[in-house]
Amino acid sequence: MTSKDITAPTGGVMTDEVGTITGDLTLRPDVSAAGDVSLQVQYQGAAEWYRVTGAHIKVDPNNSDAVANAETELLNRF
């Protein structure tokens, strides 16, 4: 799984769990067994991960190309 370090854009990154977070962050895609590819974010070096609000794509979990494309698309939003 690929991750990406960023500095939060103006206004921060909205999460489902804790609202907006700002600063130096790490993003990573997460794939569920049902084929939901979502984007997670954490403060760099922290243990907790949060789901980025609205950043999810439904794919066939058995189609590795579709999963990889969804992961790349989500990461490229930042």
PDB file of N, CA and C in Angstrom:
ATOM      1  N   MET A   1       0.842  -1.175   0.000  1.00  0.00           N
ATOM      2  CA  MET A   1       0.000   0.000   0.000  1.00  0.00           C
ATOM      3  C   MET A   1       0.892   1.245   0.000  1.00  0.00           C
ATOM      4  N   THR A   2       0.561   2.189  -0.834  1.00  0.00           N
ATOM      5  CA  THR A   2       1.325   3.415  -0.970  1.00  0.00           C
ATOM      6  C   THR A   2       0.801   4.474  -0.014  1.00  0.00           C
ATOM      7  N   SER A   3       1.695   5.266   0.526  1.00  0.00           N
ATOM      8  CA  SER A   3       1.277   6.411   1.327  1.00  0.00           C
ATOM      9  C   SER A   3       1.916   7.667   0.744  1.00  0.00           C
ATOM     10  N   LYS A   4       1.427   8.816   1.185  1.00  0.00           N
ATOM     11  CA  LYS A   4       1.890  10.091   0.652  1.00  0.00           C
ATOM     12  C   LYS A   4       1.914  11.114   1.776  1.00  0.00           C
ATOM     13  N   ASP A   5       3.051  11.773   1.963  1.00  0.00           N
ATOM     14  CA  ASP A   5       3.161  12.849   2.948  1.00  0.00           C
ATOM     15  C   ASP A   5       2.812  14.166   2.284  1.00  0.00           C
ATOM     16  N   ILE A   6       1.995  14.967   2.978  1.00  0.00           N
ATOM     17  CA  ILE A   6       1.587  16.268   2.462  1.00  0.00           C
ATOM     18  C   ILE A   6       1.566  17.283   3.603  1.00  0.00           C
ATOM     19  N   THR A   7       1.529  18.552   3.247  1.00  0.00           N
ATOM     20  CA  THR A   7       1.144  19.609   4.175  1.00  0.00           C
ATOM     21  C   THR A   7      -0.295  19.932   3.816  1.00  0.00           C
ATOM     22  N   ALA A   8      -1.160  19.968   4.799  1.00  0.00           N
ATOM     23  CA  ALA A   8      -2.590  20.161   4.540  1.00  0.00           C
ATOM     24  C   ALA A   8      -2.818  21.412   3.699  1.00  0.00           C
ATOM     25  N   PRO A   9      -3.738  21.325   2.740  1.00  0.00           N
ATOM     26  CA  PRO A   9      -4.075  22.507   1.950  1.00  0.00           C
ATOM     27  C   PRO A   9      -4.809  23.535   2.819  1.00  0.00           C
ATOM     28  N   THR A  10      -4.964  24.732   2.297  1.00  0.00           N
ATOM     29  CA  THR A  10      -5.716  25.771   2.997  1.00  0.00           C
ATOM     30  C   THR A  10      -7.081  25.216   3.389  1.00  0.00           C
ATOM     31  N   GLY A  11      -7.452  25.356   4.628  1.00  0.00           N
ATOM     32  CA  GLY A  11      -8.715  24.833   5.124  1.00  0.00           C
ATOM     33  C   GLY A  11      -8.601  23.448   5.727  1.00  0.00           C
ATOM     34  N   GLY A  12      -7.450  22.778   5.542  1.00  0.00           N
ATOM     35  CA  GLY A  12      -7.215  21.475   6.151  1.00  0.00           C
ATOM     36  C   GLY A  12      -7.856  20.333   5.398  1.00  0.00           C
ATOM     37  N   VAL A  13      -7.847  19.175   6.030  1.00  0.00           N
ATOM     38  CA  VAL A  13      -8.439  17.959   5.480  1.00  0.00           C
ATOM     39  C   VAL A  13      -9.575  17.546   6.412  1.00  0.00           C
ATOM     40  N   MET A  14     -10.783  17.420   5.861  1.00  0.00           N
ATOM     41  CA  MET A  14     -11.954  17.049   6.657  1.00  0.00           C
ATOM     42  C   MET A  14     -11.981  15.538   6.861  1.00  0.00           C
ATOM     43  N   THR A  15     -12.182  15.130   8.118  1.00  0.00           N
ATOM     44  CA  THR A  15     -12.279  13.711   8.446  1.00  0.00           C
ATOM     45  C   THR A  15     -13.643  13.394   9.028  1.00  0.00           C
ATOM     46  N   ASP A  16     -14.045  12.135   8.923  1.00  0.00           N
ATOM     47  CA  ASP A  16     -15.326  11.702   9.481  1.00  0.00           C
ATOM     48  C   ASP A  16     -15.302  11.706  11.006  1.00  0.00           C
ATOM     49  N   GLU A  17     -14.155  11.390  11.593  1.00  0.00           N
ATOM     50  CA  GLU A  17     -14.087  11.174  13.038  1.00  0.00           C
ATOM     51  C   GLU A  17     -13.838  12.442  13.854  1.00  0.00           C
ATOM     52  N   VAL A  18     -12.952  13.305  13.407  1.00  0.00           N
ATOM     53  CA  VAL A  18     -12.536  14.437  14.254  1.00  0.00           C
ATOM     54  C   VAL A  18     -12.661  15.804  13.574  1.00  0.00           C
ATOM     55  N   GLY A  19     -13.296  15.865  12.417  1.00  0.00           N
ATOM     56  CA  GLY A  19     -13.426  17.141  11.716  1.00  0.00           C
ATOM     57  C   GLY A  19     -12.153  17.463  10.944  1.00  0.00           C
ATOM     58  N   THR A  20     -11.845  18.738  10.851  1.00  0.00           N
ATOM     59  CA  THR A  20     -10.724  19.192  10.038  1.00  0.00           C
ATOM     60  C   THR A  20      -9.400  19.039  10.780  1.00  0.00           C
ATOM     61  N   ILE A  21      -8.390  18.537  10.065  1.00  0.00           N
ATOM     62  CA  ILE A  21      -7.043  18.494  10.622  1.00  0.00           C
ATOM     63  C   ILE A  21      -6.114  19.241   9.668  1.00  0.00           C
ATOM     64  N   THR A  22      -5.071  19.809  10.234  1.00  0.00           N
ATOM     65  CA  THR A  22      -4.132  20.625   9.465  1.00  0.00           C
ATOM     66  C   THR A  22      -2.706  20.223   9.817  1.00  0.00           C
ATOM     67  N   GLY A  23      -1.764  20.779   9.091  1.00  0.00           N
ATOM     68  CA  GLY A  23      -0.358  20.540   9.400  1.00  0.00           C
ATOM     69  C   GLY A  23       0.243  19.495   8.481  1.00  0.00           C
ATOM     70  N   ASP A  24       1.309  18.856   8.961  1.00  0.00           N
ATOM     71  CA  ASP A  24       2.006  17.823   8.190  1.00  0.00           C
ATOM     72  C   ASP A  24       1.286  16.494   8.388  1.00  0.00           C
ATOM     73  N   LEU A  25       0.826  15.921   7.286  1.00  0.00           N
ATOM     74  CA  LEU A  25      -0.034  14.744   7.325  1.00  0.00           C
ATOM     75  C   LEU A  25       0.498  13.637   6.425  1.00  0.00           C
ATOM     76  N   THR A  26       0.046  12.425   6.705  1.00  0.00           N
ATOM     77  CA  THR A  26       0.303  11.284   5.830  1.00  0.00           C
ATOM     78  C   THR A  26      -1.041  10.741   5.373  1.00  0.00           C
ATOM     79  N   LEU A  27      -1.148  10.471   4.069  1.00  0.00           N
ATOM     80  CA  LEU A  27      -2.348   9.888   3.482  1.00  0.00           C
ATOM     81  C   LEU A  27      -2.049   8.461   3.056  1.00  0.00           C
ATOM     82  N   ARG A  28      -3.037   7.571   3.181  1.00  0.00           N
ATOM     83  CA  ARG A  28      -2.884   6.214   2.663  1.00  0.00           C
ATOM     84  C   ARG A  28      -4.258   5.689   2.261  1.00  0.00           C
ATOM     85  N   PRO A  29      -4.311   4.916   1.184  1.00  0.00           N
ATOM     86  CA  PRO A  29      -5.569   4.275   0.818  1.00  0.00           C
ATOM     87  C   PRO A  29      -5.790   3.026   1.673  1.00  0.00           C
ATOM     88  N   ASP A  30      -7.057   2.697   1.881  1.00  0.00           N
ATOM     89  CA  ASP A  30      -7.435   1.506   2.623  1.00  0.00           C
ATOM     90  C   ASP A  30      -8.478   0.768   1.800  1.00  0.00           C
ATOM     91  N   VAL A  31      -8.324  -0.544   1.657  1.00  0.00           N
ATOM     92  CA  VAL A  31      -9.236  -1.345   0.842  1.00  0.00           C
ATOM     93  C   VAL A  31      -9.942  -2.354   1.732  1.00  0.00           C
ATOM     94  N   SER A  32     -11.280  -2.320   1.716  1.00  0.00           N
ATOM     95  CA  SER A  32     -12.041  -3.297   2.484  1.00  0.00           C
ATOM     96  C   SER A  32     -12.271  -4.551   1.647  1.00  0.00           C
ATOM     97  N   ALA A  33     -12.652  -5.630   2.302  1.00  0.00           N
ATOM     98  CA  ALA A  33     -12.934  -6.886   1.602  1.00  0.00           C
ATOM     99  C   ALA A  33     -14.098  -6.739   0.627  1.00  0.00           C
ATOM    100  N   ALA A  34     -14.972  -5.759   0.873  1.00  0.00           N
ATOM    101  CA  ALA A  34     -16.133  -5.530   0.003  1.00  0.00           C
ATOM    102  C   ALA A  34     -15.793  -4.663  -1.204  1.00  0.00           C
ATOM    103  N   GLY A  35     -14.564  -4.155  -1.275  1.00  0.00           N
ATOM    104  CA  GLY A  35     -14.160  -3.357  -2.423  1.00  0.00           C
ATOM    105  C   GLY A  35     -14.319  -1.866  -2.247  1.00  0.00           C
ATOM    106  N   ASP A  36     -14.474  -1.407  -1.033  1.00  0.00           N
ATOM    107  CA  ASP A  36     -14.514   0.030  -0.766  1.00  0.00           C
ATOM    108  C   ASP A  36     -13.089   0.518  -0.570  1.00  0.00           C
ATOM    109  N   VAL A  37     -12.639   1.384  -1.475  1.00  0.00           N
ATOM    110  CA  VAL A  37     -11.314   1.982  -1.351  1.00  0.00           C
ATOM    111  C   VAL A  37     -11.525   3.371  -0.771  1.00  0.00           C
ATOM    112  N   SER A  38     -10.958   3.611   0.407  1.00  0.00           N
ATOM    113  CA  SER A  38     -11.120   4.911   1.052  1.00  0.00           C
ATOM    114  C   SER A  38      -9.748   5.484   1.361  1.00  0.00           C
ATOM    115  N   LEU A  39      -9.733   6.778   1.603  1.00  0.00           N
ATOM    116  CA  LEU A  39      -8.490   7.456   1.917  1.00  0.00           C
ATOM    117  C   LEU A  39      -8.462   7.752   3.405  1.00  0.00           C
ATOM    118  N   GLN A  40      -7.348   7.409   4.043  1.00  0.00           N
ATOM    119  CA  GLN A  40      -7.157   7.679   5.459  1.00  0.00           C
ATOM    120  C   GLN A  40      -6.041   8.699   5.618  1.00  0.00           C
ATOM    121  N   VAL A  41      -6.070   9.425   6.730  1.00  0.00           N
ATOM    122  CA  VAL A  41      -5.080  10.465   6.988  1.00  0.00           C
ATOM    123  C   VAL A  41      -4.671  10.409   8.459  1.00  0.00           C
ATOM    124  N   GLN A  42      -3.433  10.771   8.717  1.00  0.00           N
ATOM    125  CA  GLN A  42      -2.943  10.874  10.084  1.00  0.00           C
ATOM    126  C   GLN A  42      -1.953  12.027  10.152  1.00  0.00           C
ATOM    127  N   TYR A  43      -1.780  12.570  11.368  1.00  0.00           N
ATOM    128  CA  TYR A  43      -0.681  13.496  11.579  1.00  0.00           C
ATOM    129  C   TYR A  43       0.597  12.686  11.412  1.00  0.00           C
ATOM    130  N   GLN A  44       1.585  13.226  10.705  1.00  0.00           N
ATOM    131  CA  GLN A  44       2.820  12.477  10.475  1.00  0.00           C
ATOM    132  C   GLN A  44       3.387  11.977  11.800  1.00  0.00           C
ATOM    133  N   GLY A  45       3.653  10.681  11.862  1.00  0.00           N
ATOM    134  CA  GLY A  45       4.241  10.069  13.037  1.00  0.00           C
ATOM    135  C   GLY A  45       3.254   9.645  14.111  1.00  0.00           C
ATOM    136  N   ALA A  46       1.968   9.978  13.956  1.00  0.00           N
ATOM    137  CA  ALA A  46       0.964   9.608  14.953  1.00  0.00           C
ATOM    138  C   ALA A  46       0.504   8.168  14.726  1.00  0.00           C
ATOM    139  N   ALA A  47      -0.159   7.616  15.712  1.00  0.00           N
ATOM    140  CA  ALA A  47      -0.662   6.246  15.600  1.00  0.00           C
ATOM    141  C   ALA A  47      -2.078   6.190  15.015  1.00  0.00           C
ATOM    142  N   GLU A  48      -2.878   7.230  15.242  1.00  0.00           N
ATOM    143  CA  GLU A  48      -4.279   7.221  14.852  1.00  0.00           C
ATOM    144  C   GLU A  48      -4.452   7.589  13.378  1.00  0.00           C
ATOM    145  N   TRP A  49      -5.347   6.862  12.710  1.00  0.00           N
ATOM    146  CA  TRP A  49      -5.723   7.148  11.330  1.00  0.00           C
ATOM    147  C   TRP A  49      -7.184   7.547  11.313  1.00  0.00           C
ATOM    148  N   TYR A  50      -7.543   8.483  10.411  1.00  0.00           N
ATOM    149  CA  TYR A  50      -8.914   8.966  10.267  1.00  0.00           C
ATOM    150  C   TYR A  50      -9.334   8.843   8.805  1.00  0.00           C
ATOM    151  N   ARG A  51     -10.607   8.611   8.574  1.00  0.00           N
ATOM    152  CA  ARG A  51     -11.128   8.511   7.211  1.00  0.00           C
ATOM    153  C   ARG A  51     -11.374   9.915   6.660  1.00  0.00           C
ATOM    154  N   VAL A  52     -10.856  10.184   5.459  1.00  0.00           N
ATOM    155  CA  VAL A  52     -11.074  11.470   4.802  1.00  0.00           C
ATOM    156  C   VAL A  52     -12.514  11.504   4.289  1.00  0.00           C
ATOM    157  N   THR A  53     -13.254  12.513   4.696  1.00  0.00           N
ATOM    158  CA  THR A  53     -14.654  12.646   4.331  1.00  0.00           C
ATOM    159  C   THR A  53     -14.821  12.715   2.811  1.00  0.00           C
ATOM    160  N   GLY A  54     -15.688  11.862   2.283  1.00  0.00           N
ATOM    161  CA  GLY A  54     -16.014  11.868   0.864  1.00  0.00           C
ATOM    162  C   GLY A  54     -14.977  11.253  -0.049  1.00  0.00           C
ATOM    163  N   ALA A  55     -13.911  10.703   0.504  1.00  0.00           N
ATOM    164  CA  ALA A  55     -12.839  10.146  -0.326  1.00  0.00           C
ATOM    165  C   ALA A  55     -12.930   8.622  -0.335  1.00  0.00           C
ATOM    166  N   HIS A  56     -13.866   8.114  -1.135  1.00  0.00           N
ATOM    167  CA  HIS A  56     -13.992   6.666  -1.257  1.00  0.00           C
ATOM    168  C   HIS A  56     -14.521   6.313  -2.638  1.00  0.00           C
ATOM    169  N   ILE A  57     -14.112   5.155  -3.107  1.00  0.00           N
ATOM    170  CA  ILE A  57     -14.516   4.652  -4.414  1.00  0.00           C
ATOM    171  C   ILE A  57     -14.848   3.172  -4.250  1.00  0.00           C
ATOM    172  N   LYS A  58     -15.955   2.738  -4.811  1.00  0.00           N
ATOM    173  CA  LYS A  58     -16.360   1.322  -4.772  1.00  0.00           C
ATOM    174  C   LYS A  58     -15.825   0.628  -6.020  1.00  0.00           C
ATOM    175  N   VAL A  59     -15.096  -0.467  -5.834  1.00  0.00           N
ATOM    176  CA  VAL A  59     -14.548  -1.244  -6.950  1.00  0.00           C
ATOM    177  C   VAL A  59     -14.750  -2.733  -6.678  1.00  0.00           C
ATOM    178  N   ASP A  60     -14.473  -3.540  -7.683  1.00  0.00           N
ATOM    179  CA  ASP A  60     -14.464  -4.992  -7.524  1.00  0.00           C
ATOM    180  C   ASP A  60     -13.174  -5.352  -6.792  1.00  0.00           C
ATOM    181  N   PRO A  61     -13.240  -5.884  -5.571  1.00  0.00           N
ATOM    182  CA  PRO A  61     -12.031  -6.175  -4.810  1.00  0.00           C
ATOM    183  C   PRO A  61     -11.150  -7.229  -5.459  1.00  0.00           C
ATOM    184  N   ASN A  62     -11.691  -7.992  -6.396  1.00  0.00           N
ATOM    185  CA  ASN A  62     -10.913  -9.022  -7.082  1.00  0.00           C
ATOM    186  C   ASN A  62     -10.182  -8.491  -8.311  1.00  0.00           C
ATOM    187  N   ASN A  63     -10.443  -7.232  -8.661  1.00  0.00           N
ATOM    188  CA  ASN A  63      -9.809  -6.610  -9.820  1.00  0.00           C
ATOM    189  C   ASN A  63      -8.664  -5.726  -9.326  1.00  0.00           C
ATOM    190  N   SER A  64      -7.463  -6.271  -9.325  1.00  0.00           N
ATOM    191  CA  SER A  64      -6.318  -5.544  -8.762  1.00  0.00           C
ATOM    192  C   SER A  64      -6.040  -4.237  -9.497  1.00  0.00           C
ATOM    193  N   ASP A  65      -6.306  -4.189 -10.809  1.00  0.00           N
ATOM    194  CA  ASP A  65      -6.108  -2.945 -11.555  1.00  0.00           C
ATOM    195  C   ASP A  65      -7.082  -1.867 -11.087  1.00  0.00           C
ATOM    196  N   ALA A  66      -8.338  -2.248 -10.872  1.00  0.00           N
ATOM    197  CA  ALA A  66      -9.339  -1.289 -10.405  1.00  0.00           C
ATOM    198  C   ALA A  66      -8.989  -0.772  -9.017  1.00  0.00           C
ATOM    199  N   VAL A  67      -8.521  -1.660  -8.149  1.00  0.00           N
ATOM    200  CA  VAL A  67      -8.110  -1.248  -6.799  1.00  0.00           C
ATOM    201  C   VAL A  67      -6.936  -0.280  -6.886  1.00  0.00           C
ATOM    202  N   ALA A  68      -5.929  -0.623  -7.665  1.00  0.00           N
ATOM    203  CA  ALA A  68      -4.747   0.241  -7.806  1.00  0.00           C
ATOM    204  C   ALA A  68      -5.116   1.599  -8.398  1.00  0.00           C
ATOM    205  N   ASN A  69      -5.993   1.603  -9.407  1.00  0.00           N
ATOM    206  CA  ASN A  69      -6.420   2.865 -10.006  1.00  0.00           C
ATOM    207  C   ASN A  69      -7.178   3.733  -9.003  1.00  0.00           C
ATOM    208  N   ALA A  70      -8.036   3.118  -8.200  1.00  0.00           N
ATOM    209  CA  ALA A  70      -8.790   3.867  -7.186  1.00  0.00           C
ATOM    210  C   ALA A  70      -7.844   4.446  -6.136  1.00  0.00           C
ATOM    211  N   GLU A  71      -6.866   3.661  -5.713  1.00  0.00           N
ATOM    212  CA  GLU A  71      -5.887   4.162  -4.739  1.00  0.00           C
ATOM    213  C   GLU A  71      -5.137   5.373  -5.301  1.00  0.00           C
ATOM    214  N   THR A  72      -4.692   5.267  -6.535  1.00  0.00           N
ATOM    215  CA  THR A  72      -3.952   6.357  -7.173  1.00  0.00           C
ATOM    216  C   THR A  72      -4.845   7.590  -7.319  1.00  0.00           C
ATOM    217  N   GLU A  73      -6.084   7.397  -7.755  1.00  0.00           N
ATOM    218  CA  GLU A  73      -7.005   8.525  -7.921  1.00  0.00           C
ATOM    219  C   GLU A  73      -7.222   9.259  -6.607  1.00  0.00           C
ATOM    220  N   LEU A  74      -7.427   8.519  -5.531  1.00  0.00           N
ATOM    221  CA  LEU A  74      -7.643   9.155  -4.231  1.00  0.00           C
ATOM    222  C   LEU A  74      -6.411   9.926  -3.760  1.00  0.00           C
ATOM    223  N   LEU A  75      -5.233   9.328  -3.901  1.00  0.00           N
ATOM    224  CA  LEU A  75      -4.011  10.018  -3.486  1.00  0.00           C
ATOM    225  C   LEU A  75      -3.746  11.263  -4.322  1.00  0.00           C
ATOM    226  N   ASN A  76      -4.110  11.222  -5.598  1.00  0.00           N
ATOM    227  CA  ASN A  76      -3.853  12.359  -6.479  1.00  0.00           C
ATOM    228  C   ASN A  76      -4.776  13.545  -6.211  1.00  0.00           C
ATOM    229  N   ARG A  77      -5.780  13.366  -5.367  1.00  0.00           N
ATOM    230  CA  ARG A  77      -6.645  14.491  -5.007  1.00  0.00           C
ATOM    231  C   ARG A  77      -5.903  15.505  -4.141  1.00  0.00           C
ATOM    232  N   PHE A  78      -4.749  15.089  -3.607  1.00  0.00           N
ATOM    233  CA  PHE A  78      -3.980  15.973  -2.722  1.00  0.00           C
ATOM    234  C   PHE A  78      -2.605  16.214  -3.278  1.00  0.00           C
TER     235      PHE A  78
END
